[in-house]
Amino acid sequence: MPGRRIREDHTQYRDQVKDKVKSRLKDYIKTGKKVERRGDDYIVVDIPVIELPEFRYGKTQYDGVGNGEAEVEIQ
């Protein structure tokens, strides 16, 4: 049945994506610190922070795509 095959492929795909996310997540986990004061003492707690990559939309300072000027071919 084609439905069974689709479910198997979908399960395999989800497993691959899950493994990739786990392996790449280590690149984005940084350590943050929270400092609290209790009386005369300070308590420092290390907190894991996930810094996700930023995507910028809109106009950039460069025109076009790639490096350098484009060559236009007229056919």
C-alpha atoms as a PDB file:
ATOM      1  CA  MET A   1       0.000   0.000   0.000  1.00  0.00           C
ATOM      2  CA  PRO A   2       1.343   3.466  -0.800  1.00  0.00           C
ATOM      3  CA  GLY A   3       0.113   4.859   2.550  1.00  0.00           C
ATOM      4  CA  ARG A   4       2.441   2.586   4.509  1.00  0.00           C
ATOM      5  CA  ARG A   5       5.434   3.630   2.431  1.00  0.00           C
ATOM      6  CA  ILE A   6       4.625   7.326   2.907  1.00  0.00           C
ATOM      7  CA  ARG A   7       4.386   6.853   6.686  1.00  0.00           C
ATOM      8  CA  GLU A   8       7.747   5.046   6.735  1.00  0.00           C
ATOM      9  CA  ASP A   9       9.394   7.799   4.688  1.00  0.00           C
ATOM     10  CA  HIS A  10       7.848  10.491   6.865  1.00  0.00           C
ATOM     11  CA  THR A  11       9.038   8.760  10.050  1.00  0.00           C
ATOM     12  CA  GLN A  12      12.554   8.408   8.626  1.00  0.00           C
ATOM     13  CA  TYR A  13      12.556  12.090   7.616  1.00  0.00           C
ATOM     14  CA  ARG A  14      11.422  13.216  11.096  1.00  0.00           C
ATOM     15  CA  ASP A  15      14.164  11.103  12.704  1.00  0.00           C
ATOM     16  CA  GLN A  16      16.810  12.639  10.446  1.00  0.00           C
ATOM     17  CA  VAL A  17      15.601  16.178  11.159  1.00  0.00           C
ATOM     18  CA  LYS A  18      15.495  15.484  14.913  1.00  0.00           C
ATOM     19  CA  ASP A  19      19.093  14.188  14.862  1.00  0.00           C
ATOM     20  CA  LYS A  20      20.252  17.200  12.835  1.00  0.00           C
ATOM     21  CA  VAL A  21      18.570  19.650  15.226  1.00  0.00           C
ATOM     22  CA  LYS A  22      20.177  17.959  18.237  1.00  0.00           C
ATOM     23  CA  SER A  23      23.639  18.052  16.662  1.00  0.00           C
ATOM     24  CA  ARG A  24      23.380  21.701  15.525  1.00  0.00           C
ATOM     25  CA  LEU A  25      21.754  22.970  18.740  1.00  0.00           C
ATOM     26  CA  LYS A  26      25.099  22.756  20.571  1.00  0.00           C
ATOM     27  CA  ASP A  27      26.428  25.507  18.283  1.00  0.00           C
ATOM     28  CA  TYR A  28      23.799  27.947  19.545  1.00  0.00           C
ATOM     29  CA  ILE A  29      23.727  27.203  23.288  1.00  0.00           C
ATOM     30  CA  LYS A  30      25.641  29.789  25.301  1.00  0.00           C
ATOM     31  CA  THR A  31      25.919  30.253  29.056  1.00  0.00           C
ATOM     32  CA  GLY A  32      24.260  33.199  30.702  1.00  0.00           C
ATOM     33  CA  LYS A  33      24.619  34.171  34.344  1.00  0.00           C
ATOM     34  CA  LYS A  34      22.007  35.319  36.780  1.00  0.00           C
ATOM     35  CA  VAL A  35      23.309  37.137  39.837  1.00  0.00           C
ATOM     36  CA  GLU A  36      21.135  37.537  42.901  1.00  0.00           C
ATOM     37  CA  ARG A  37      21.894  39.104  46.209  1.00  0.00           C
ATOM     38  CA  ARG A  38      20.733  37.405  49.392  1.00  0.00           C
ATOM     39  CA  GLY A  39      21.692  39.524  52.366  1.00  0.00           C
ATOM     40  CA  ASP A  40      25.439  40.101  52.164  1.00  0.00           C
ATOM     41  CA  ASP A  41      26.002  37.136  49.821  1.00  0.00           C
ATOM     42  CA  TYR A  42      25.786  36.968  46.033  1.00  0.00           C
ATOM     43  CA  ILE A  43      24.441  33.895  44.267  1.00  0.00           C
ATOM     44  CA  VAL A  44      25.537  33.244  40.682  1.00  0.00           C
ATOM     45  CA  VAL A  45      23.497  30.769  38.636  1.00  0.00           C
ATOM     46  CA  ASP A  46      24.593  29.608  35.171  1.00  0.00           C
ATOM     47  CA  ILE A  47      21.640  29.559  32.794  1.00  0.00           C
ATOM     48  CA  PRO A  48      21.816  28.024  29.308  1.00  0.00           C
ATOM     49  CA  VAL A  49      20.683  30.525  26.672  1.00  0.00           C
ATOM     50  CA  ILE A  50      19.931  29.665  23.060  1.00  0.00           C
ATOM     51  CA  GLU A  51      21.131  32.303  20.608  1.00  0.00           C
ATOM     52  CA  LEU A  52      19.394  31.734  17.292  1.00  0.00           C
ATOM     53  CA  PRO A  53      20.871  33.031  14.042  1.00  0.00           C
ATOM     54  CA  GLU A  54      19.429  36.297  12.767  1.00  0.00           C
ATOM     55  CA  PHE A  55      18.074  36.805   9.289  1.00  0.00           C
ATOM     56  CA  ARG A  56      17.909  40.318   7.915  1.00  0.00           C
ATOM     57  CA  TYR A  57      15.382  41.315   5.341  1.00  0.00           C
ATOM     58  CA  GLY A  58      15.203  44.389   3.225  1.00  0.00           C
ATOM     59  CA  LYS A  59      17.625  46.475   1.249  1.00  0.00           C
ATOM     60  CA  THR A  60      21.330  45.915   1.801  1.00  0.00           C
ATOM     61  CA  GLN A  61      24.263  48.170   1.076  1.00  0.00           C
ATOM     62  CA  TYR A  62      25.170  46.009  -1.930  1.00  0.00           C
ATOM     63  CA  ASP A  63      23.197  45.590  -5.143  1.00  0.00           C
ATOM     64  CA  GLY A  64      22.603  42.263  -6.827  1.00  0.00           C
ATOM     65  CA  VAL A  65      23.415  38.713  -5.898  1.00  0.00           C
ATOM     66  CA  GLY A  66      26.873  37.182  -5.688  1.00  0.00           C
ATOM     67  CA  ASN A  67      30.208  38.910  -6.156  1.00  0.00           C
ATOM     68  CA  GLY A  68      30.962  41.629  -8.658  1.00  0.00           C
ATOM     69  CA  GLU A  69      29.072  42.991 -11.620  1.00  0.00           C
ATOM     70  CA  ALA A  70      26.817  40.742 -13.667  1.00  0.00           C
ATOM     71  CA  GLU A  71      27.327  40.124 -17.363  1.00  0.00           C
ATOM     72  CA  VAL A  72      24.133  40.340 -19.429  1.00  0.00           C
ATOM     73  CA  GLU A  73      23.767  37.936 -22.335  1.00  0.00           C
ATOM     74  CA  ILE A  74      21.375  38.851 -25.119  1.00  0.00           C
ATOM     75  CA  GLN A  75      20.182  35.946 -27.199  1.00  0.00           C
END
